[in-house]
């Protein structure tokens, strides 16, 4: 018998806090450095979608490749953990 993983539902409180953090990210008065922006992007995608999918963008698309790499680096991280890390990271910027 093989064990199956049942996806856990995301609590409404965490989802609300994540959504609020996303909205707050659009009102930052100071632009974070690129490393922080890529971290936030990866956490956002992992928290919103889950593990990175699709093909890695080509060498000539530097921005898309960096974003995809930031997301793919979080592969295997539970969505809830990524959401909380996004909230915590954004909180340090406010």
N, C-alpha and C. Protein backbone atom coordinates (compact mmCIF):
# COMPACT_ATOMS: atom_id res chain seq x y z
N UNK A 1 0.85 -1.17 0.00
CA UNK A 1 0.00 0.00 0.00
C UNK A 1 0.90 1.24 0.00
N UNK A 2 0.64 2.17 -0.88
CA UNK A 2 1.43 3.40 -0.94
C UNK A 2 0.70 4.52 -0.24
N UNK A 3 1.47 5.34 0.42
CA UNK A 3 0.88 6.48 1.11
C UNK A 3 0.63 7.59 0.11
N UNK A 4 -0.50 8.23 0.24
CA UNK A 4 -0.80 9.36 -0.62
C UNK A 4 -0.79 10.63 0.22
N UNK A 5 -0.34 11.68 -0.39
CA UNK A 5 -0.30 12.96 0.30
C UNK A 5 -1.59 13.70 0.00
N UNK A 6 -2.29 14.04 1.05
CA UNK A 6 -3.52 14.80 0.89
C UNK A 6 -3.19 16.26 1.11
N UNK A 7 -3.44 17.11 0.11
CA UNK A 7 -3.11 18.51 0.28
C UNK A 7 -3.93 19.12 1.42
N UNK A 8 -3.25 19.89 2.24
CA UNK A 8 -3.95 20.52 3.35
C UNK A 8 -4.53 21.84 2.88
N UNK A 9 -5.68 22.16 3.42
CA UNK A 9 -6.31 23.43 3.08
C UNK A 9 -5.56 24.55 3.79
N UNK A 10 -5.44 25.65 3.12
CA UNK A 10 -4.76 26.81 3.70
C UNK A 10 -5.77 27.54 4.56
N UNK A 11 -5.36 27.88 5.78
CA UNK A 11 -6.28 28.56 6.69
C UNK A 11 -6.69 29.91 6.11
N UNK A 12 -7.89 30.30 6.42
CA UNK A 12 -8.38 31.58 5.92
C UNK A 12 -7.58 32.74 6.51
N UNK A 13 -7.10 32.57 7.75
CA UNK A 13 -6.30 33.62 8.37
C UNK A 13 -4.98 33.83 7.63
N UNK A 14 -4.32 32.70 7.29
CA UNK A 14 -3.05 32.79 6.57
C UNK A 14 -3.28 33.37 5.18
N UNK A 15 -4.32 32.93 4.50
CA UNK A 15 -4.62 33.45 3.17
C UNK A 15 -4.89 34.95 3.23
N UNK A 16 -5.64 35.39 4.23
CA UNK A 16 -5.94 36.82 4.38
C UNK A 16 -4.67 37.62 4.66
N UNK A 17 -3.80 37.10 5.51
CA UNK A 17 -2.54 37.78 5.82
C UNK A 17 -1.65 37.84 4.59
N UNK A 18 -1.63 36.76 3.79
CA UNK A 18 -0.84 36.70 2.56
C UNK A 18 -1.36 37.73 1.57
N UNK A 19 -2.67 37.77 1.39
CA UNK A 19 -3.28 38.75 0.48
C UNK A 19 -2.99 40.18 0.92
N UNK A 20 -3.05 40.42 2.23
CA UNK A 20 -2.75 41.76 2.76
C UNK A 20 -1.29 42.12 2.52
N UNK A 21 -0.39 41.15 2.67
CA UNK A 21 1.03 41.40 2.44
C UNK A 21 1.29 41.70 0.96
N UNK A 22 0.59 41.02 0.07
CA UNK A 22 0.72 41.28 -1.36
C UNK A 22 0.29 42.72 -1.66
N UNK A 23 -0.83 43.12 -1.09
CA UNK A 23 -1.32 44.49 -1.30
C UNK A 23 -0.33 45.50 -0.72
N UNK A 24 0.22 45.19 0.45
CA UNK A 24 1.18 46.08 1.10
C UNK A 24 2.47 46.20 0.28
N UNK A 25 2.84 45.12 -0.42
CA UNK A 25 4.08 45.15 -1.21
C UNK A 25 4.01 46.18 -2.33
N UNK A 26 2.80 46.49 -2.76
CA UNK A 26 2.62 47.45 -3.85
C UNK A 26 2.69 48.89 -3.37
N UNK A 27 2.75 49.08 -2.05
CA UNK A 27 2.78 50.44 -1.50
C UNK A 27 4.10 50.76 -0.80
N UNK A 28 5.11 49.93 -0.99
CA UNK A 28 6.41 50.20 -0.36
C UNK A 28 6.96 51.53 -0.86
N UNK A 29 7.50 52.32 0.04
CA UNK A 29 8.03 53.62 -0.36
C UNK A 29 9.44 53.52 -0.92
N UNK A 30 10.16 52.47 -0.52
CA UNK A 30 11.52 52.26 -1.01
C UNK A 30 11.58 50.94 -1.75
N UNK A 31 12.17 50.96 -2.93
CA UNK A 31 12.29 49.74 -3.73
C UNK A 31 13.36 48.84 -3.10
N UNK A 32 12.99 47.58 -2.80
CA UNK A 32 13.99 46.64 -2.25
C UNK A 32 15.06 46.32 -3.29
N UNK A 33 16.20 45.82 -2.81
CA UNK A 33 17.27 45.43 -3.74
C UNK A 33 16.81 44.22 -4.55
N UNK A 34 17.51 43.95 -5.63
CA UNK A 34 17.11 42.88 -6.56
C UNK A 34 17.06 41.51 -5.89
N UNK A 35 18.00 41.23 -4.99
CA UNK A 35 18.01 39.94 -4.30
C UNK A 35 16.73 39.76 -3.50
N UNK A 36 16.32 40.81 -2.80
CA UNK A 36 15.10 40.75 -1.99
C UNK A 36 13.88 40.63 -2.90
N UNK A 37 13.87 41.36 -4.00
CA UNK A 37 12.75 41.27 -4.94
C UNK A 37 12.61 39.85 -5.50
N UNK A 38 13.74 39.23 -5.84
CA UNK A 38 13.68 37.86 -6.35
C UNK A 38 13.21 36.90 -5.27
N UNK A 39 13.64 37.10 -4.04
CA UNK A 39 13.18 36.27 -2.92
C UNK A 39 11.67 36.40 -2.75
N UNK A 40 11.19 37.64 -2.76
CA UNK A 40 9.75 37.87 -2.63
C UNK A 40 8.99 37.22 -3.79
N UNK A 41 9.51 37.35 -4.99
CA UNK A 41 8.86 36.75 -6.15
C UNK A 41 8.76 35.24 -5.99
N UNK A 42 9.88 34.61 -5.63
CA UNK A 42 9.89 33.16 -5.46
C UNK A 42 8.91 32.72 -4.38
N UNK A 43 8.89 33.43 -3.26
CA UNK A 43 7.96 33.09 -2.18
C UNK A 43 6.51 33.30 -2.61
N UNK A 44 6.27 34.38 -3.35
CA UNK A 44 4.93 34.66 -3.85
C UNK A 44 4.45 33.52 -4.75
N UNK A 45 5.28 33.13 -5.71
CA UNK A 45 4.89 32.07 -6.64
C UNK A 45 4.72 30.74 -5.92
N UNK A 46 5.63 30.42 -5.01
CA UNK A 46 5.54 29.15 -4.28
C UNK A 46 4.29 29.15 -3.41
N UNK A 47 3.99 30.28 -2.78
CA UNK A 47 2.81 30.38 -1.94
C UNK A 47 1.52 30.38 -2.73
N UNK A 48 1.55 30.94 -3.92
CA UNK A 48 0.34 31.05 -4.75
C UNK A 48 0.08 29.80 -5.57
N UNK A 49 1.13 29.26 -6.17
CA UNK A 49 0.98 28.19 -7.16
C UNK A 49 1.52 26.85 -6.66
N UNK A 50 2.61 26.89 -5.92
CA UNK A 50 3.29 25.67 -5.53
C UNK A 50 4.59 25.56 -6.31
N UNK A 51 5.08 24.36 -6.49
CA UNK A 51 6.37 24.14 -7.14
C UNK A 51 6.40 24.69 -8.57
N UNK A 52 7.60 25.14 -8.95
CA UNK A 52 7.83 25.70 -10.29
C UNK A 52 7.50 24.65 -11.35
N UNK A 53 6.86 25.14 -12.40
CA UNK A 53 6.49 24.26 -13.51
C UNK A 53 6.99 24.88 -14.81
N UNK A 54 6.92 24.10 -15.86
CA UNK A 54 7.33 24.60 -17.17
C UNK A 54 8.82 24.55 -17.34
N UNK A 55 9.25 24.97 -18.50
CA UNK A 55 10.67 24.97 -18.82
C UNK A 55 11.34 26.23 -18.31
N UNK A 56 12.59 26.08 -17.96
CA UNK A 56 13.39 27.22 -17.53
C UNK A 56 13.60 28.13 -18.74
N UNK A 57 13.36 29.44 -18.59
CA UNK A 57 13.56 30.36 -19.71
C UNK A 57 15.00 30.31 -20.23
N UNK A 58 15.16 30.68 -21.48
CA UNK A 58 16.46 30.64 -22.13
C UNK A 58 17.44 31.67 -21.59
N UNK A 59 18.69 31.50 -21.98
CA UNK A 59 19.77 32.37 -21.52
C UNK A 59 19.59 33.83 -21.90
N UNK A 60 18.89 34.09 -22.97
CA UNK A 60 18.75 35.47 -23.42
C UNK A 60 17.68 36.25 -22.68
N UNK A 61 16.81 35.55 -21.95
CA UNK A 61 15.77 36.23 -21.18
C UNK A 61 16.20 36.26 -19.71
N UNK A 62 17.09 37.20 -19.40
CA UNK A 62 17.73 37.26 -18.09
C UNK A 62 16.73 37.42 -16.94
N UNK A 63 15.77 38.29 -17.10
CA UNK A 63 14.82 38.59 -16.03
C UNK A 63 13.93 37.38 -15.76
N UNK A 64 13.34 36.82 -16.81
CA UNK A 64 12.47 35.66 -16.64
C UNK A 64 13.24 34.47 -16.06
N UNK A 65 14.47 34.31 -16.48
CA UNK A 65 15.29 33.21 -15.97
C UNK A 65 15.60 33.40 -14.49
N UNK A 66 15.93 34.61 -14.08
CA UNK A 66 16.22 34.89 -12.67
C UNK A 66 14.98 34.66 -11.81
N UNK A 67 13.83 35.09 -12.31
CA UNK A 67 12.58 34.88 -11.57
C UNK A 67 12.27 33.39 -11.45
N UNK A 68 12.39 32.66 -12.53
CA UNK A 68 12.10 31.24 -12.51
C UNK A 68 13.06 30.52 -11.57
N UNK A 69 14.34 30.90 -11.60
CA UNK A 69 15.32 30.28 -10.70
C UNK A 69 14.99 30.55 -9.24
N UNK A 70 14.55 31.77 -8.93
CA UNK A 70 14.17 32.11 -7.56
C UNK A 70 12.99 31.26 -7.10
N UNK A 71 12.05 31.02 -7.99
CA UNK A 71 10.89 30.19 -7.68
C UNK A 71 11.30 28.72 -7.56
N UNK A 72 12.08 28.24 -8.51
CA UNK A 72 12.48 26.83 -8.52
C UNK A 72 13.35 26.49 -7.31
N UNK A 73 14.08 27.46 -6.78
CA UNK A 73 14.92 27.22 -5.60
C UNK A 73 14.08 26.83 -4.38
N UNK A 74 12.79 27.15 -4.42
CA UNK A 74 11.90 26.85 -3.30
C UNK A 74 11.11 25.56 -3.51
N UNK A 75 11.45 24.82 -4.54
CA UNK A 75 10.74 23.58 -4.85
C UNK A 75 10.72 22.68 -3.61
N UNK A 76 9.53 22.17 -3.30
CA UNK A 76 9.37 21.30 -2.15
C UNK A 76 8.95 22.03 -0.88
N UNK A 77 9.04 23.35 -0.90
CA UNK A 77 8.61 24.13 0.26
C UNK A 77 7.08 24.13 0.29
N UNK A 78 6.49 23.78 1.43
CA UNK A 78 5.02 23.81 1.50
C UNK A 78 4.49 25.22 1.24
N UNK A 79 3.35 25.29 0.59
CA UNK A 79 2.75 26.60 0.27
C UNK A 79 2.57 27.45 1.52
N UNK A 80 2.11 26.83 2.61
CA UNK A 80 1.87 27.58 3.85
C UNK A 80 3.16 28.21 4.36
N UNK A 81 4.24 27.46 4.29
CA UNK A 81 5.54 27.95 4.75
C UNK A 81 6.02 29.11 3.87
N UNK A 82 5.82 28.99 2.57
CA UNK A 82 6.22 30.06 1.64
C UNK A 82 5.38 31.31 1.88
N UNK A 83 4.09 31.13 2.14
CA UNK A 83 3.22 32.27 2.40
C UNK A 83 3.68 33.00 3.66
N UNK A 84 3.98 32.25 4.72
CA UNK A 84 4.41 32.87 5.97
C UNK A 84 5.76 33.56 5.78
N UNK A 85 6.66 32.95 5.03
CA UNK A 85 7.97 33.56 4.77
C UNK A 85 7.82 34.86 3.97
N UNK A 86 6.88 34.87 3.03
CA UNK A 86 6.60 36.11 2.27
C UNK A 86 6.12 37.19 3.21
N UNK A 87 5.17 36.86 4.07
CA UNK A 87 4.64 37.81 5.04
C UNK A 87 5.75 38.35 5.94
N UNK A 88 6.57 37.44 6.46
CA UNK A 88 7.67 37.83 7.35
C UNK A 88 8.71 38.69 6.64
N UNK A 89 9.06 38.33 5.42
CA UNK A 89 10.05 39.09 4.65
C UNK A 89 9.53 40.49 4.37
N UNK A 90 8.28 40.58 3.97
CA UNK A 90 7.70 41.88 3.67
C UNK A 90 7.63 42.74 4.92
N UNK A 91 7.34 42.11 6.05
CA UNK A 91 7.25 42.85 7.31
C UNK A 91 8.58 43.54 7.64
N UNK A 92 9.70 42.91 7.27
CA UNK A 92 11.00 43.54 7.55
C UNK A 92 11.24 44.76 6.67
N UNK A 93 10.49 44.86 5.57
CA UNK A 93 10.68 45.97 4.64
C UNK A 93 9.79 47.17 4.96
N UNK A 94 8.78 46.95 5.78
CA UNK A 94 7.82 48.02 6.08
C UNK A 94 8.36 48.92 7.19
